[in-house]
């Protein structure tokens, strides 16, 4: 496996690649959710690239950006076991030579739910995803459904800008207690991890969105939103100082039960 940090070196390598290319963008601090994306990409492509780039423009709080764990060595060891061909890990200065003066924004979908509580987050996300797709030029790119609104926006950008890449959506990977795996989970202690399971339990219940929110608040969560739309029930909460998001698919029966409860 090759770890590439230099943009010019990467561009020369990309020119030489033959066959189908799969791409998994990450911010590192990898867990089984990331590795499941990489494993699927490995099965479906001749060449697989994973990026590790902690993108400063999609963090709303400087402290959150600073606290994000950088585990490049461990991440690369994990990706090597899966059989990833290239790890692309550029610096912020390389990705943003214009000091983030050129940005990619969406004006409707990005304004609600995550967009309401994290202003500017989706603009930073779309901008870096477009840059990474341009640099890696994959045939397929793999995204998890845990960040469902992000997934929708990436698909919308691909269609709007006519990018020649297929976006592959992959199911959320969960811990044994049902909690959606997240890099931020490493900041939770054992008791908090057990408590976090309540979020996924309530999302799949027949309780209304308001009832789910009330029960979470009663258990000490700070709730930003619980909403049923796009065929999913989505939520964002704070458990002490850690922000958690999750979503689950909703059948027509679920939606009717939720609406009538």
Protein backbone atom coordinates (compact mmCIF):
# COMPACT_ATOMS: atom_id res chain seq x y z
CA UNK A 1 0.00 0.00 0.00
CA UNK A 2 1.22 3.49 -0.88
CA UNK A 3 0.62 6.57 1.30
CA UNK A 4 0.69 9.74 -0.80
CA UNK A 5 0.71 13.25 0.66
CA UNK A 6 2.03 15.31 -2.26
CA UNK A 7 -0.54 16.51 -4.80
CA UNK A 8 1.80 16.52 -7.79
CA UNK A 9 3.01 13.03 -7.00
CA UNK A 10 -0.58 11.88 -6.68
CA UNK A 11 -1.57 13.38 -10.01
CA UNK A 12 1.23 11.48 -11.74
CA UNK A 13 0.16 8.25 -10.06
CA UNK A 14 -3.48 8.76 -11.02
CA UNK A 15 -2.52 9.12 -14.69
CA UNK A 16 -0.91 5.69 -14.58
CA UNK A 17 -3.82 3.77 -13.02
CA UNK A 18 -5.64 1.25 -15.20
CA UNK A 19 -9.00 -0.44 -14.65
CA UNK A 20 -11.91 0.54 -12.43
CA UNK A 21 -11.19 2.81 -9.48
CA UNK A 22 -13.12 2.87 -6.21
CA UNK A 23 -12.78 5.72 -3.72
CA UNK A 24 -13.60 5.97 -0.01
CA UNK A 25 -13.26 9.47 1.47
CA UNK A 26 -12.61 9.55 5.23
CA UNK A 27 -11.34 11.89 7.93
CA UNK A 28 -9.39 9.07 9.54
CA UNK A 29 -9.82 7.72 13.09
CA UNK A 30 -11.26 4.71 11.31
CA UNK A 31 -13.77 2.21 12.68
CA UNK A 32 -15.71 -0.76 11.29
CA UNK A 33 -18.07 1.56 9.44
CA UNK A 34 -15.18 2.89 7.38
CA UNK A 35 -13.62 -0.51 6.86
CA UNK A 36 -16.92 -1.91 5.60
CA UNK A 37 -16.94 0.77 2.89
CA UNK A 38 -13.36 -0.07 2.00
CA UNK A 39 -14.05 -3.79 1.92
CA UNK A 40 -16.96 -3.30 -0.47
CA UNK A 41 -14.87 -1.02 -2.67
CA UNK A 42 -12.15 -3.70 -2.69
CA UNK A 43 -14.63 -6.29 -3.98
CA UNK A 44 -16.03 -4.09 -6.71
CA UNK A 45 -12.97 -2.35 -8.20
CA UNK A 46 -9.54 -3.05 -9.63
CA UNK A 47 -7.91 -0.18 -7.72
CA UNK A 48 -9.08 1.25 -4.38
CA UNK A 49 -8.12 4.65 -2.99
CA UNK A 50 -8.96 5.86 0.51
CA UNK A 51 -8.40 9.45 1.51
CA UNK A 52 -7.60 10.56 5.05
CA UNK A 53 -8.16 14.28 5.39
CA UNK A 54 -9.54 16.08 8.44
CA UNK A 55 -11.39 18.82 6.62
CA UNK A 56 -11.25 22.10 8.59
CA UNK A 57 -13.99 23.82 6.57
CA UNK A 58 -16.79 21.49 7.71
CA UNK A 59 -16.24 22.00 11.44
CA UNK A 60 -18.44 24.62 13.08
CA UNK A 61 -16.36 24.81 16.22
CA UNK A 62 -12.58 25.16 16.32
CA UNK A 63 -12.46 23.02 19.47
CA UNK A 64 -14.23 20.15 17.69
CA UNK A 65 -11.68 20.30 14.87
CA UNK A 66 -8.77 20.29 17.31
CA UNK A 67 -10.23 17.40 19.35
CA UNK A 68 -10.79 15.19 16.33
CA UNK A 69 -8.38 12.31 16.79
CA UNK A 70 -5.62 11.93 14.21
CA UNK A 71 -4.59 8.27 14.02
CA UNK A 72 -2.86 8.08 10.64
CA UNK A 73 -0.48 5.26 11.54
CA UNK A 74 -3.19 2.98 12.92
CA UNK A 75 -5.53 3.91 10.07
CA UNK A 76 -2.96 3.00 7.42
CA UNK A 77 -2.23 -0.32 9.12
CA UNK A 78 -5.95 -1.10 9.06
CA UNK A 79 -6.33 -0.12 5.41
CA UNK A 80 -3.31 -2.21 4.45
CA UNK A 81 -4.97 -5.32 5.92
CA UNK A 82 -8.05 -4.70 3.77
CA UNK A 83 -5.93 -4.42 0.66
CA UNK A 84 -6.33 -0.73 -0.13
CA UNK A 85 -3.93 0.27 -2.90
CA UNK A 86 -3.45 3.97 -2.12
CA UNK A 87 -4.01 6.22 0.87
CA UNK A 88 -4.22 9.86 -0.18
CA UNK A 89 -3.56 12.16 2.78
CA UNK A 90 -2.91 15.75 1.65
CA UNK A 91 -2.43 18.80 3.86
CA UNK A 92 -5.08 21.53 4.28
CA UNK A 93 -2.83 24.00 2.45
CA UNK A 94 -2.64 21.64 -0.52
CA UNK A 95 -6.42 21.17 -0.66
CA UNK A 96 -7.15 24.87 -0.12
CA UNK A 97 -4.46 26.81 -2.01
CA UNK A 98 -7.04 29.58 -2.49
CA UNK A 99 -7.66 29.85 1.29
CA UNK A 100 -11.20 28.49 0.73
CA UNK A 101 -12.26 31.43 -1.40
CA UNK A 102 -13.92 29.09 -3.93
CA UNK A 103 -16.77 27.14 -2.36
CA UNK A 104 -19.53 24.73 -3.42
CA UNK A 105 -22.91 25.40 -1.86
CA UNK A 106 -26.45 24.06 -2.13
CA UNK A 107 -29.35 26.34 -1.32
CA UNK A 108 -32.30 24.18 -0.22
CA UNK A 109 -31.64 20.74 1.22
CA UNK A 110 -28.56 21.99 3.07
CA UNK A 111 -30.54 24.55 5.05
CA UNK A 112 -32.52 22.17 7.27
CA UNK A 113 -31.74 19.66 10.04
CA UNK A 114 -27.93 19.42 10.06
CA UNK A 115 -27.71 22.61 8.04
CA UNK A 116 -29.77 24.54 10.59
CA UNK A 117 -27.63 23.48 13.53
CA UNK A 118 -24.29 23.42 11.72
CA UNK A 119 -24.28 26.46 9.41
CA UNK A 120 -21.59 26.22 6.76
CA UNK A 121 -20.94 22.54 7.42
CA UNK A 122 -22.42 21.28 4.17
CA UNK A 123 -20.65 23.91 2.09
CA UNK A 124 -17.34 22.73 3.53
CA UNK A 125 -18.30 19.11 2.98
CA UNK A 126 -19.42 19.56 -0.64
CA UNK A 127 -16.36 21.64 -1.46
CA UNK A 128 -13.89 19.07 -0.19
CA UNK A 129 -15.79 16.13 -1.70
CA UNK A 130 -15.72 17.79 -5.12
CA UNK A 131 -11.99 18.47 -4.77
CA UNK A 132 -11.27 14.88 -3.71
CA UNK A 133 -13.39 13.45 -6.52
CA UNK A 134 -11.58 15.64 -9.03
CA UNK A 135 -8.22 14.47 -7.69
CA UNK A 136 -9.03 10.76 -7.50
CA UNK A 137 -11.33 10.52 -10.56
CA UNK A 138 -13.04 7.32 -9.36
CA UNK A 139 -15.60 5.25 -11.19
CA UNK A 140 -17.35 4.61 -7.86
CA UNK A 141 -17.29 6.47 -4.54
CA UNK A 142 -18.59 4.93 -1.30
CA UNK A 143 -20.53 6.79 1.40
CA UNK A 144 -22.27 5.53 4.53
CA UNK A 145 -25.98 6.09 5.18
CA UNK A 146 -25.33 7.25 8.76
CA UNK A 147 -24.75 10.73 7.35
CA UNK A 148 -27.91 10.47 5.27
CA UNK A 149 -28.40 14.17 4.54
CA UNK A 150 -24.77 14.37 3.45
CA UNK A 151 -25.30 11.40 1.16
CA UNK A 152 -28.32 13.08 -0.44
CA UNK A 153 -26.36 16.29 -1.00
CA UNK A 154 -23.40 14.47 -2.55
CA UNK A 155 -25.74 12.68 -4.95
CA UNK A 156 -27.42 15.98 -5.80
CA UNK A 157 -24.06 17.64 -6.49
CA UNK A 158 -22.97 14.74 -8.72
CA UNK A 159 -26.13 15.07 -10.80
CA UNK A 160 -26.08 18.88 -10.92
CA UNK A 161 -22.43 19.11 -11.97
CA UNK A 162 -22.52 16.09 -14.34
CA UNK A 163 -19.66 14.28 -12.58
CA UNK A 164 -18.81 10.87 -14.09
CA UNK A 165 -18.88 8.90 -10.84
CA UNK A 166 -21.36 6.44 -9.32
CA UNK A 167 -22.19 7.09 -5.66
CA UNK A 168 -22.57 3.84 -3.72
CA UNK A 169 -24.65 4.13 -0.53
CA UNK A 170 -23.75 1.62 2.20
CA UNK A 171 -25.82 0.69 5.24
CA UNK A 172 -24.92 2.08 8.65
CA UNK A 173 -22.69 -0.23 10.67
CA UNK A 174 -23.75 -0.55 14.30
CA UNK A 175 -22.30 -1.77 17.57
CA UNK A 176 -23.90 -4.78 19.26
CA UNK A 177 -26.16 -2.48 21.28
CA UNK A 178 -27.44 -0.80 18.11
CA UNK A 179 -25.44 2.42 18.37
CA UNK A 180 -24.30 3.75 14.99
CA UNK A 181 -20.52 3.59 14.80
CA UNK A 182 -18.85 6.99 14.73
CA UNK A 183 -15.36 8.34 15.25
CA UNK A 184 -16.79 10.56 17.98
CA UNK A 185 -17.87 7.49 19.94
CA UNK A 186 -14.28 7.10 21.09
CA UNK A 187 -14.86 10.16 23.29
CA UNK A 188 -17.64 8.36 25.21
CA UNK A 189 -16.94 6.32 28.33
CA UNK A 190 -18.47 2.89 28.95
CA UNK A 191 -21.58 4.23 30.70
CA UNK A 192 -22.13 6.84 28.01
CA UNK A 193 -21.82 4.23 25.26
CA UNK A 194 -24.53 2.17 26.96
CA UNK A 195 -26.74 5.24 27.27
CA UNK A 196 -26.16 6.18 23.61
CA UNK A 197 -27.98 2.99 22.58
CA UNK A 198 -31.27 4.63 23.60
CA UNK A 199 -31.08 6.86 20.53
CA UNK A 200 -31.27 4.02 18.01
CA UNK A 201 -33.84 2.17 20.13
CA UNK A 202 -36.22 5.12 20.08
CA UNK A 203 -35.69 5.90 16.41
CA UNK A 204 -37.02 2.48 15.40
CA UNK A 205 -39.97 2.66 17.82
CA UNK A 206 -43.54 3.58 16.88
CA UNK A 207 -43.38 6.69 19.09
CA UNK A 208 -43.96 10.05 17.41
CA UNK A 209 -41.00 12.32 16.74
CA UNK A 210 -42.09 14.57 19.61
CA UNK A 211 -42.39 11.59 21.95
CA UNK A 212 -38.91 10.38 21.00
CA UNK A 213 -37.52 13.84 21.64
CA UNK A 214 -39.23 14.04 25.02
CA UNK A 215 -37.94 10.65 26.14
CA UNK A 216 -34.40 11.51 25.08
CA UNK A 217 -34.54 14.79 26.99
CA UNK A 218 -35.85 12.99 30.06
CA UNK A 219 -32.80 10.75 29.92
CA UNK A 220 -30.42 13.72 29.85
CA UNK A 221 -29.79 14.11 26.12
CA UNK A 222 -29.77 17.57 24.60
CA UNK A 223 -31.85 17.14 21.44
CA UNK A 224 -31.30 19.29 18.36
CA UNK A 225 -33.83 17.54 16.15
CA UNK A 226 -35.85 14.39 15.61
CA UNK A 227 -37.59 14.40 12.23
CA UNK A 228 -39.22 11.92 9.86
CA UNK A 229 -38.64 12.73 6.18
CA UNK A 230 -37.06 11.32 3.01
CA UNK A 231 -38.32 7.89 4.13
CA UNK A 232 -36.09 8.02 7.22
CA UNK A 233 -36.26 9.12 10.83
CA UNK A 234 -33.25 11.29 11.60
CA UNK A 235 -31.91 12.73 14.83
CA UNK A 236 -29.04 14.71 16.28
CA UNK A 237 -28.39 14.84 20.01
CA UNK A 238 -25.71 15.78 22.48
CA UNK A 239 -24.64 13.32 25.15
CA UNK A 240 -22.64 15.47 27.52
CA UNK A 241 -20.02 17.07 25.21
CA UNK A 242 -20.30 14.58 22.34
CA UNK A 243 -22.66 15.13 19.41
CA UNK A 244 -24.30 12.02 17.96
CA UNK A 245 -26.35 11.64 14.79
CA UNK A 246 -28.33 8.67 13.53
CA UNK A 247 -31.12 7.74 11.16
CA UNK A 248 -33.16 4.67 10.34
CA UNK A 249 -35.28 3.74 7.31
CA UNK A 250 -39.02 3.98 7.83
CA UNK A 251 -41.59 1.76 6.14
CA UNK A 252 -45.02 3.14 5.23
CA UNK A 253 -46.44 1.29 8.24
CA UNK A 254 -43.87 2.88 10.54
CA UNK A 255 -44.63 6.33 9.20
CA UNK A 256 -48.40 5.86 9.67
CA UNK A 257 -47.89 4.61 13.23
CA UNK A 258 -45.58 7.51 14.07
CA UNK A 259 -48.04 10.03 12.62
CA UNK A 260 -50.96 8.61 14.63
CA UNK A 261 -49.12 8.20 17.95
